[in-house]
Amino acid sequence: MGLFDLLAPVLGAIDNTLSGFLPGGLRLALWGVLAGWLTMLLYRKLSRQEAISELKARQKVLQEEIAKFDGEMSDLMPRIKEAFSLGFKQLGLAIGPALLATIPILFIVVWVATQFVYEPPQAGAKVSVTAEPNRGDLTWSANASAQTSEDGWVITWPAAEESVALSAAGDPVLTFSDAELHGVIHKKLWWNTLIGNPAGYLPGESSVEAVHVALPERAYLPFGPDWVRGWMFLFFGTFLLASIAFKFILRVA
């Protein structure tokens, strides 16, 4: 478990409760709304709202003066420079709090990115698997019914109470079960201290660096290309719209 996975048990418990009466797409949208609200709330608390408001008010006056100006360019340039200066000052006041406000949201994003991505294959479904590197001594347990493909294998997905295993020269590499869902399983890397792999890791001494599993991805919208139907478009779209809405509701400068 990585740093940004620490809230996963809490978020998962809440989502499991909601799943009793809300479909996955609506729950995903609600998490996007929550993330948008938290972002604006934290930004308002962390930023110097009064100072930003004063800069915006002065910049608006300058913009109106520039729009109405009817004189020499030499007289207009100081106003233009001041308008740019005010804009950079606003950016300076906003960028730090904005970055800090996104850090807590990463806990939600990291959890959503594992919870709402893959559709569990049905028991007996055929799933494509590839390994890096694809060595000749890689073998599957008998119940995997593995068939060699151009890039790797096609295995039979196990039932909930079963598992299938991949070995290299007789040494265990990876065990698949219905509870372990992720598109790639690899050796533990430095960034896994921040974001963990829910399916675990390959042994550090293994000759295999990574195993890719072609799991079916969930579709939440019934229209558009694949990238619109998946979790990212719905979650981040809802997050963006909620952020804009709460900016006005909370009167964030």
C-alpha atoms as a PDB file:
ATOM      1  CA  MET A   1       0.000   0.000   0.000  1.00  0.00           C
ATOM      2  CA  GLY A   2       1.353   3.416  -0.992  1.00  0.00           C
ATOM      3  CA  LEU A   3       0.984   6.780   0.720  1.00  0.00           C
ATOM      4  CA  PHE A   4      -1.988   7.810  -1.420  1.00  0.00           C
ATOM      5  CA  ASP A   5      -3.684   4.460  -0.743  1.00  0.00           C
ATOM      6  CA  LEU A   6      -4.020   5.074   3.007  1.00  0.00           C
ATOM      7  CA  LEU A   7      -7.640   6.250   2.707  1.00  0.00           C
ATOM      8  CA  ALA A   8      -8.596   3.430   0.332  1.00  0.00           C
ATOM      9  CA  PRO A   9     -10.230   1.262   3.052  1.00  0.00           C
ATOM     10  CA  VAL A  10     -12.397   4.190   4.200  1.00  0.00           C
ATOM     11  CA  LEU A  11     -13.339   5.233   0.670  1.00  0.00           C
ATOM     12  CA  GLY A  12     -14.034   1.613  -0.253  1.00  0.00           C
ATOM     13  CA  ALA A  13     -16.315   1.128   2.761  1.00  0.00           C
ATOM     14  CA  ILE A  14     -18.301   4.252   1.852  1.00  0.00           C
ATOM     15  CA  ASP A  15     -18.568   3.164  -1.788  1.00  0.00           C
ATOM     16  CA  ASN A  16     -19.671  -0.335  -0.799  1.00  0.00           C
ATOM     17  CA  THR A  17     -22.501   1.214   1.220  1.00  0.00           C
ATOM     18  CA  LEU A  18     -23.520   3.417  -1.708  1.00  0.00           C
ATOM     19  CA  SER A  19     -23.377   0.467  -4.109  1.00  0.00           C
ATOM     20  CA  GLY A  20     -26.430  -0.985  -2.392  1.00  0.00           C
ATOM     21  CA  PHE A  21     -28.659   1.616  -4.031  1.00  0.00           C
ATOM     22  CA  LEU A  22     -26.590   3.566  -6.589  1.00  0.00           C
ATOM     23  CA  PRO A  23     -25.112   2.289  -9.893  1.00  0.00           C
ATOM     24  CA  GLY A  24     -21.386   2.574 -10.567  1.00  0.00           C
ATOM     25  CA  GLY A  25     -21.642   5.533 -12.959  1.00  0.00           C
ATOM     26  CA  LEU A  26     -23.611   7.649 -10.486  1.00  0.00           C
ATOM     27  CA  ARG A  27     -21.224   6.775  -7.651  1.00  0.00           C
ATOM     28  CA  LEU A  28     -18.281   7.740  -9.858  1.00  0.00           C
ATOM     29  CA  ALA A  29     -19.930  11.089 -10.634  1.00  0.00           C
ATOM     30  CA  LEU A  30     -20.552  11.692  -6.916  1.00  0.00           C
ATOM     31  CA  TRP A  31     -16.868  11.118  -6.164  1.00  0.00           C
ATOM     32  CA  GLY A  32     -16.061  13.678  -8.863  1.00  0.00           C
ATOM     33  CA  VAL A  33     -18.440  16.192  -7.239  1.00  0.00           C
ATOM     34  CA  LEU A  34     -16.861  15.540  -3.825  1.00  0.00           C
ATOM     35  CA  ALA A  35     -13.367  16.062  -5.243  1.00  0.00           C
ATOM     36  CA  GLY A  36     -14.455  19.325  -6.886  1.00  0.00           C
ATOM     37  CA  TRP A  37     -16.014  20.621  -3.654  1.00  0.00           C
ATOM     38  CA  LEU A  38     -12.950  19.716  -1.577  1.00  0.00           C
ATOM     39  CA  THR A  39     -10.626  21.383  -4.083  1.00  0.00           C
ATOM     40  CA  MET A  40     -12.472  24.691  -3.986  1.00  0.00           C
ATOM     41  CA  LEU A  41     -12.967  24.548  -0.215  1.00  0.00           C
ATOM     42  CA  LEU A  42      -9.280  23.919   0.453  1.00  0.00           C
ATOM     43  CA  TYR A  43      -8.155  26.519  -2.083  1.00  0.00           C
ATOM     44  CA  ARG A  44     -10.369  29.155  -0.466  1.00  0.00           C
ATOM     45  CA  LYS A  45      -8.944  28.312   2.975  1.00  0.00           C
ATOM     46  CA  LEU A  46      -5.321  28.280   1.837  1.00  0.00           C
ATOM     47  CA  SER A  47      -5.285  31.303  -0.501  1.00  0.00           C
ATOM     48  CA  ARG A  48      -5.299  35.026   0.302  1.00  0.00           C
ATOM     49  CA  GLN A  49      -8.770  35.679  -1.002  1.00  0.00           C
ATOM     50  CA  GLU A  50      -8.930  39.348  -0.029  1.00  0.00           C
ATOM     51  CA  ALA A  51      -5.636  40.181  -1.742  1.00  0.00           C
ATOM     52  CA  ILE A  52      -6.631  38.286  -4.909  1.00  0.00           C
ATOM     53  CA  SER A  53      -9.998  40.063  -4.989  1.00  0.00           C
ATOM     54  CA  GLU A  54      -8.291  43.460  -4.726  1.00  0.00           C
ATOM     55  CA  LEU A  55      -5.932  42.604  -7.570  1.00  0.00           C
ATOM     56  CA  LYS A  56      -8.820  41.426  -9.750  1.00  0.00           C
ATOM     57  CA  ALA A  57     -10.806  44.595  -9.047  1.00  0.00           C
ATOM     58  CA  ARG A  58      -7.837  46.805  -9.973  1.00  0.00           C
ATOM     59  CA  GLN A  59      -7.168  44.756 -13.105  1.00  0.00           C
ATOM     60  CA  LYS A  60     -10.801  45.097 -14.191  1.00  0.00           C
ATOM     61  CA  VAL A  61     -10.583  48.890 -13.846  1.00  0.00           C
ATOM     62  CA  LEU A  62      -7.398  48.934 -15.908  1.00  0.00           C
ATOM     63  CA  GLN A  63      -8.941  46.751 -18.606  1.00  0.00           C
ATOM     64  CA  GLU A  64     -11.861  49.145 -18.891  1.00  0.00           C
ATOM     65  CA  GLU A  65      -9.486  52.121 -19.105  1.00  0.00           C
ATOM     66  CA  ILE A  66      -7.453  50.382 -21.804  1.00  0.00           C
ATOM     67  CA  ALA A  67     -10.590  49.506 -23.792  1.00  0.00           C
ATOM     68  CA  LYS A  68     -11.790  53.122 -23.693  1.00  0.00           C
ATOM     69  CA  PHE A  69      -8.380  54.753 -24.131  1.00  0.00           C
ATOM     70  CA  ASP A  70      -8.077  57.213 -26.995  1.00  0.00           C
ATOM     71  CA  GLY A  71      -4.651  58.749 -26.853  1.00  0.00           C
ATOM     72  CA  GLU A  72      -0.960  58.254 -27.491  1.00  0.00           C
ATOM     73  CA  MET A  73       0.541  54.784 -27.294  1.00  0.00           C
ATOM     74  CA  SER A  74       3.211  56.068 -24.930  1.00  0.00           C
ATOM     75  CA  ASP A  75       0.485  56.995 -22.455  1.00  0.00           C
ATOM     76  CA  LEU A  76      -1.237  53.609 -22.839  1.00  0.00           C
ATOM     77  CA  MET A  77       1.839  51.431 -22.242  1.00  0.00           C
ATOM     78  CA  PRO A  78       2.066  52.029 -18.447  1.00  0.00           C
ATOM     79  CA  ARG A  79      -1.524  50.817 -18.067  1.00  0.00           C
ATOM     80  CA  ILE A  80      -0.822  47.708 -20.161  1.00  0.00           C
ATOM     81  CA  LYS A  81       2.306  46.915 -18.132  1.00  0.00           C
ATOM     82  CA  GLU A  82       0.401  47.340 -14.870  1.00  0.00           C
ATOM     83  CA  ALA A  83      -2.386  45.055 -16.113  1.00  0.00           C
ATOM     84  CA  PHE A  84       0.160  42.345 -16.947  1.00  0.00           C
ATOM     85  CA  SER A  85       1.877  42.888 -13.600  1.00  0.00           C
ATOM     86  CA  LEU A  86      -1.407  42.443 -11.744  1.00  0.00           C
ATOM     87  CA  GLY A  87      -2.070  39.232 -13.643  1.00  0.00           C
ATOM     88  CA  PHE A  88       1.302  37.783 -12.640  1.00  0.00           C
ATOM     89  CA  LYS A  89       0.741  38.818  -9.019  1.00  0.00           C
ATOM     90  CA  GLN A  90      -2.588  36.964  -9.031  1.00  0.00           C
ATOM     91  CA  LEU A  91      -0.848  33.909 -10.450  1.00  0.00           C
ATOM     92  CA  GLY A  92       1.809  34.114  -7.761  1.00  0.00           C
ATOM     93  CA  LEU A  93      -0.798  34.270  -5.017  1.00  0.00           C
ATOM     94  CA  ALA A  94      -2.890  31.442  -6.477  1.00  0.00           C
ATOM     95  CA  ILE A  95      -0.449  28.820  -7.743  1.00  0.00           C
ATOM     96  CA  GLY A  96       0.875  27.662  -4.356  1.00  0.00           C
ATOM     97  CA  PRO A  97      -2.532  27.235  -2.673  1.00  0.00           C
ATOM     98  CA  ALA A  98      -3.918  25.623  -5.844  1.00  0.00           C
ATOM     99  CA  LEU A  99      -1.180  22.984  -5.819  1.00  0.00           C
ATOM    100  CA  LEU A 100      -1.618  22.339  -2.100  1.00  0.00           C
ATOM    101  CA  ALA A 101      -5.392  22.020  -2.557  1.00  0.00           C
ATOM    102  CA  THR A 102      -4.929  19.223  -5.105  1.00  0.00           C
ATOM    103  CA  ILE A 103      -2.798  17.033  -2.813  1.00  0.00           C
ATOM    104  CA  PRO A 104      -5.710  15.670  -0.689  1.00  0.00           C
ATOM    105  CA  ILE A 105      -7.682  15.071  -3.892  1.00  0.00           C
ATOM    106  CA  LEU A 106      -4.989  12.633  -5.037  1.00  0.00           C
ATOM    107  CA  PHE A 107      -6.217  10.178  -2.384  1.00  0.00           C
ATOM    108  CA  ILE A 108      -9.599  10.082  -4.142  1.00  0.00           C
ATOM    109  CA  VAL A 109      -8.154   9.998  -7.666  1.00  0.00           C
ATOM    110  CA  VAL A 110      -5.737   7.148  -6.883  1.00  0.00           C
ATOM    111  CA  TRP A 111      -8.499   5.114  -5.265  1.00  0.00           C
ATOM    112  CA  VAL A 112     -10.991   5.777  -8.091  1.00  0.00           C
ATOM    113  CA  ALA A 113      -8.345   4.811 -10.673  1.00  0.00           C
ATOM    114  CA  THR A 114      -8.247   1.282  -9.255  1.00  0.00           C
ATOM    115  CA  GLN A 115     -11.825   0.859  -8.055  1.00  0.00           C
ATOM    116  CA  PHE A 116     -13.703   1.897 -11.204  1.00  0.00           C
ATOM    117  CA  VAL A 117     -11.441   0.844 -14.086  1.00  0.00           C
ATOM    118  CA  TYR A 118     -11.736  -2.889 -14.678  1.00  0.00           C
ATOM    119  CA  GLU A 119     -14.674  -5.217 -15.055  1.00  0.00           C
ATOM    120  CA  PRO A 120     -14.044  -8.569 -13.349  1.00  0.00           C
ATOM    121  CA  PRO A 121     -13.885 -11.286 -16.037  1.00  0.00           C
ATOM    122  CA  GLN A 122     -16.488 -13.997 -15.747  1.00  0.00           C
ATOM    123  CA  ALA A 123     -15.239 -17.371 -14.547  1.00  0.00           C
ATOM    124  CA  GLY A 124     -14.150 -19.321 -17.601  1.00  0.00           C
ATOM    125  CA  ALA A 125     -13.633 -16.204 -19.737  1.00  0.00           C
ATOM    126  CA  LYS A 126     -10.614 -16.137 -22.052  1.00  0.00           C
ATOM    127  CA  VAL A 127      -8.111 -13.409 -21.065  1.00  0.00           C
ATOM    128  CA  SER A 128      -4.935 -12.456 -22.951  1.00  0.00           C
ATOM    129  CA  VAL A 129      -1.725 -12.259 -20.901  1.00  0.00           C
ATOM    130  CA  THR A 130       1.772 -11.154 -21.941  1.00  0.00           C
ATOM    131  CA  ALA A 131       5.056 -11.125 -20.031  1.00  0.00           C
ATOM    132  CA  GLU A 132       8.206  -8.996 -20.242  1.00  0.00           C
ATOM    133  CA  PRO A 133      10.412 -10.669 -21.243  1.00  0.00           C
ATOM    134  CA  ASN A 134       8.480 -13.608 -22.645  1.00  0.00           C
ATOM    135  CA  ARG A 135      10.877 -16.398 -21.662  1.00  0.00           C
ATOM    136  CA  GLY A 136      10.638 -19.949 -22.875  1.00  0.00           C
ATOM    137  CA  ASP A 137      10.603 -21.382 -19.339  1.00  0.00           C
ATOM    138  CA  LEU A 138       7.326 -19.688 -18.324  1.00  0.00           C
ATOM    139  CA  THR A 139       4.570 -22.177 -17.572  1.00  0.00           C
ATOM    140  CA  TRP A 140       0.993 -22.028 -16.250  1.00  0.00           C
ATOM    141  CA  SER A 141      -0.780 -24.218 -13.748  1.00  0.00           C
ATOM    142  CA  ALA A 142      -2.923 -26.904 -15.378  1.00  0.00           C
ATOM    143  CA  ASN A 143      -6.279 -25.263 -14.561  1.00  0.00           C
ATOM    144  CA  ALA A 144      -5.296 -22.117 -16.507  1.00  0.00           C
ATOM    145  CA  SER A 145      -5.874 -23.998 -19.780  1.00  0.00           C
ATOM    146  CA  ALA A 146      -3.308 -21.598 -21.282  1.00  0.00           C
ATOM    147  CA  GLN A 147      -3.129 -21.405 -25.050  1.00  0.00           C
ATOM    148  CA  THR A 148      -0.076 -19.818 -26.673  1.00  0.00           C
ATOM    149  CA  SER A 149      -0.831 -16.664 -28.673  1.00  0.00           C
ATOM    150  CA  GLU A 150       1.338 -14.438 -30.862  1.00  0.00           C
ATOM    151  CA  ASP A 151       2.412 -12.218 -27.940  1.00  0.00           C
ATOM    152  CA  GLY A 152       1.857 -14.478 -24.942  1.00  0.00           C
ATOM    153  CA  TRP A 153      -1.060 -16.632 -23.805  1.00  0.00           C
ATOM    154  CA  VAL A 154      -4.808 -16.787 -23.564  1.00  0.00           C
ATOM    155  CA  ILE A 155      -5.777 -18.184 -20.162  1.00  0.00           C
ATOM    156  CA  THR A 156      -9.056 -19.299 -18.652  1.00  0.00           C
ATOM    157  CA  TRP A 157     -10.031 -16.931 -15.841  1.00  0.00           C
ATOM    158  CA  PRO A 158     -10.567 -18.714 -12.511  1.00  0.00           C
ATOM    159  CA  ALA A 159     -13.737 -18.728 -10.420  1.00  0.00           C
ATOM    160  CA  ALA A 160     -13.857 -16.641  -7.238  1.00  0.00           C
ATOM    161  CA  GLU A 161     -12.644 -19.480  -5.034  1.00  0.00           C
ATOM    162  CA  GLU A 162      -9.932 -20.593  -7.459  1.00  0.00           C
ATOM    163  CA  SER A 163      -6.637 -19.262  -8.789  1.00  0.00           C
ATOM    164  CA  VAL A 164      -4.174 -19.899 -11.604  1.00  0.00           C
ATOM    165  CA  ALA A 165      -0.422 -19.466 -11.343  1.00  0.00           C
ATOM    166  CA  LEU A 166       2.458 -18.486 -13.615  1.00  0.00           C
ATOM    167  CA  SER A 167       5.919 -19.949 -12.930  1.00  0.00           C
ATOM    168  CA  ALA A 168       9.397 -19.427 -14.354  1.00  0.00           C
ATOM    169  CA  ALA A 169      11.557 -22.569 -14.369  1.00  0.00           C
ATOM    170  CA  GLY A 170       9.337 -23.926 -11.602  1.00  0.00           C
ATOM    171  CA  ASP A 171       9.618 -20.812  -9.388  1.00  0.00           C
ATOM    172  CA  PRO A 172       6.322 -19.006  -8.667  1.00  0.00           C
ATOM    173  CA  VAL A 173       6.003 -15.637 -10.415  1.00  0.00           C
ATOM    174  CA  LEU A 174       2.370 -14.648 -10.079  1.00  0.00           C
ATOM    175  CA  THR A 175      -1.003 -16.014  -8.975  1.00  0.00           C
ATOM    176  CA  PHE A 176      -4.219 -14.724 -10.532  1.00  0.00           C
ATOM    177  CA  SER A 177      -7.484 -14.722  -8.661  1.00  0.00           C
ATOM    178  CA  ASP A 178     -10.800 -12.957  -9.114  1.00  0.00           C
ATOM    179  CA  ALA A 179      -9.942 -10.562  -6.273  1.00  0.00           C
ATOM    180  CA  GLU A 180      -6.769  -9.275  -7.950  1.00  0.00           C
ATOM    181  CA  LEU A 181      -7.660  -6.911 -10.747  1.00  0.00           C
ATOM    182  CA  HIS A 182      -5.081  -4.748 -12.464  1.00  0.00           C
ATOM    183  CA  GLY A 183      -3.877  -4.379 -16.020  1.00  0.00           C
ATOM    184  CA  VAL A 184      -0.177  -4.763 -15.189  1.00  0.00           C
ATOM    185  CA  ILE A 185       1.700  -6.451 -12.357  1.00  0.00           C
ATOM    186  CA  HIS A 186       5.401  -5.609 -12.069  1.00  0.00           C
ATOM    187  CA  LYS A 187       8.265  -5.568  -9.624  1.00  0.00           C
ATOM    188  CA  LYS A 188       7.964  -2.979  -6.891  1.00  0.00           C
ATOM    189  CA  LEU A 189       9.262   0.406  -8.080  1.00  0.00           C
ATOM    190  CA  TRP A 190      10.173   3.571  -6.178  1.00  0.00           C
ATOM    191  CA  TRP A 191       6.885   5.306  -6.975  1.00  0.00           C
ATOM    192  CA  ASN A 192       4.918   2.451  -5.425  1.00  0.00           C
ATOM    193  CA  THR A 193       5.712   4.059  -2.063  1.00  0.00           C
ATOM    194  CA  LEU A 194       3.221   6.719  -3.204  1.00  0.00           C
ATOM    195  CA  ILE A 195       0.799   4.629  -5.266  1.00  0.00           C
ATOM    196  CA  GLY A 196       0.591   0.902  -4.648  1.00  0.00           C
ATOM    197  CA  ASN A 197      -0.441  -1.800  -7.079  1.00  0.00           C
ATOM    198  CA  PRO A 198      -3.670  -3.420  -5.810  1.00  0.00           C
ATOM    199  CA  ALA A 199      -2.672  -6.758  -7.328  1.00  0.00           C
ATOM    200  CA  GLY A 200       0.679  -6.836  -5.560  1.00  0.00           C
ATOM    201  CA  TYR A 201       4.123  -7.206  -7.134  1.00  0.00           C
ATOM    202  CA  LEU A 202       6.348  -9.708  -8.855  1.00  0.00           C
ATOM    203  CA  PRO A 203       9.194 -11.149  -6.766  1.00  0.00           C
ATOM    204  CA  GLY A 204      12.263  -8.915  -6.857  1.00  0.00           C
ATOM    205  CA  GLU A 205      14.475 -11.830  -7.924  1.00  0.00           C
ATOM    206  CA  SER A 206      12.093 -12.917 -10.715  1.00  0.00           C
ATOM    207  CA  SER A 207      13.365 -13.082 -14.281  1.00  0.00           C
ATOM    208  CA  VAL A 208      10.062 -11.522 -15.374  1.00  0.00           C
ATOM    209  CA  GLU A 209       9.834  -7.724 -15.135  1.00  0.00           C
ATOM    210  CA  ALA A 210       6.120  -7.257 -15.798  1.00  0.00           C
ATOM    211  CA  VAL A 211       2.967  -9.169 -16.682  1.00  0.00           C
ATOM    212  CA  HIS A 212       0.215  -7.444 -18.690  1.00  0.00           C
ATOM    213  CA  VAL A 213      -3.371  -8.652 -18.376  1.00  0.00           C
ATOM    214  CA  ALA A 214      -5.996  -7.604 -20.950  1.00  0.00           C
ATOM    215  CA  LEU A 215      -8.813  -7.112 -18.451  1.00  0.00           C
ATOM    216  CA  PRO A 216     -12.093  -5.700 -19.794  1.00  0.00           C
ATOM    217  CA  GLU A 217     -12.565  -2.041 -18.855  1.00  0.00           C
ATOM    218  CA  ARG A 218     -15.822  -0.725 -17.448  1.00  0.00           C
ATOM    219  CA  ALA A 219     -18.029   1.505 -19.626  1.00  0.00           C
ATOM    220  CA  TYR A 220     -20.150   4.102 -17.831  1.00  0.00           C
ATOM    221  CA  LEU A 221     -21.587   6.074 -20.744  1.00  0.00           C
ATOM    222  CA  PRO A 222     -23.557   4.441 -23.582  1.00  0.00           C
ATOM    223  CA  PHE A 223     -22.169   6.725 -26.308  1.00  0.00           C
ATOM    224  CA  GLY A 224     -18.943   7.981 -27.851  1.00  0.00           C
ATOM    225  CA  PRO A 225     -15.502   6.396 -28.353  1.00  0.00           C
ATOM    226  CA  ASP A 226     -13.886   4.187 -25.729  1.00  0.00           C
ATOM    227  CA  TRP A 227     -12.106   7.080 -23.976  1.00  0.00           C
ATOM    228  CA  VAL A 228     -15.465   8.805 -23.413  1.00  0.00           C
ATOM    229  CA  ARG A 229     -17.158   5.681 -22.066  1.00  0.00           C
ATOM    230  CA  GLY A 230     -14.516   4.921 -19.421  1.00  0.00           C
ATOM    231  CA  TRP A 231     -14.013   6.235 -15.899  1.00  0.00           C
ATOM    232  CA  MET A 232     -11.662   9.126 -16.677  1.00  0.00           C
ATOM    233  CA  PHE A 233     -14.053  11.171 -18.804  1.00  0.00           C
ATOM    234  CA  LEU A 234     -16.940  10.864 -16.359  1.00  0.00           C
ATOM    235  CA  PHE A 235     -14.893  11.430 -13.203  1.00  0.00           C
ATOM    236  CA  PHE A 236     -12.726  14.323 -14.405  1.00  0.00           C
ATOM    237  CA  GLY A 237     -15.607  15.870 -16.355  1.00  0.00           C
ATOM    238  CA  THR A 238     -17.755  15.863 -13.227  1.00  0.00           C
ATOM    239  CA  PHE A 239     -14.787  17.081 -11.172  1.00  0.00           C
ATOM    240  CA  LEU A 240     -14.215  20.026 -13.529  1.00  0.00           C
ATOM    241  CA  LEU A 241     -17.885  21.042 -13.671  1.00  0.00           C
ATOM    242  CA  ALA A 242     -18.233  20.717  -9.891  1.00  0.00           C
ATOM    243  CA  SER A 243     -15.106  22.803  -9.335  1.00  0.00           C
ATOM    244  CA  ILE A 244     -16.487  25.602 -11.511  1.00  0.00           C
ATOM    245  CA  ALA A 245     -19.893  25.436  -9.835  1.00  0.00           C
ATOM    246  CA  PHE A 246     -18.448  25.490  -6.304  1.00  0.00           C
ATOM    247  CA  LYS A 247     -16.154  28.369  -7.269  1.00  0.00           C
ATOM    248  CA  PHE A 248     -19.278  30.517  -7.673  1.00  0.00           C
ATOM    249  CA  ILE A 249     -21.245  28.930  -4.831  1.00  0.00           C
ATOM    250  CA  LEU A 250     -18.379  29.416  -2.353  1.00  0.00           C
ATOM    251  CA  ARG A 251     -17.491  32.807  -3.891  1.00  0.00           C
ATOM    252  CA  VAL A 252     -13.868  31.859  -4.491  1.00  0.00           C
ATOM    253  CA  ALA A 253     -11.758  34.653  -5.960  1.00  0.00           C
END
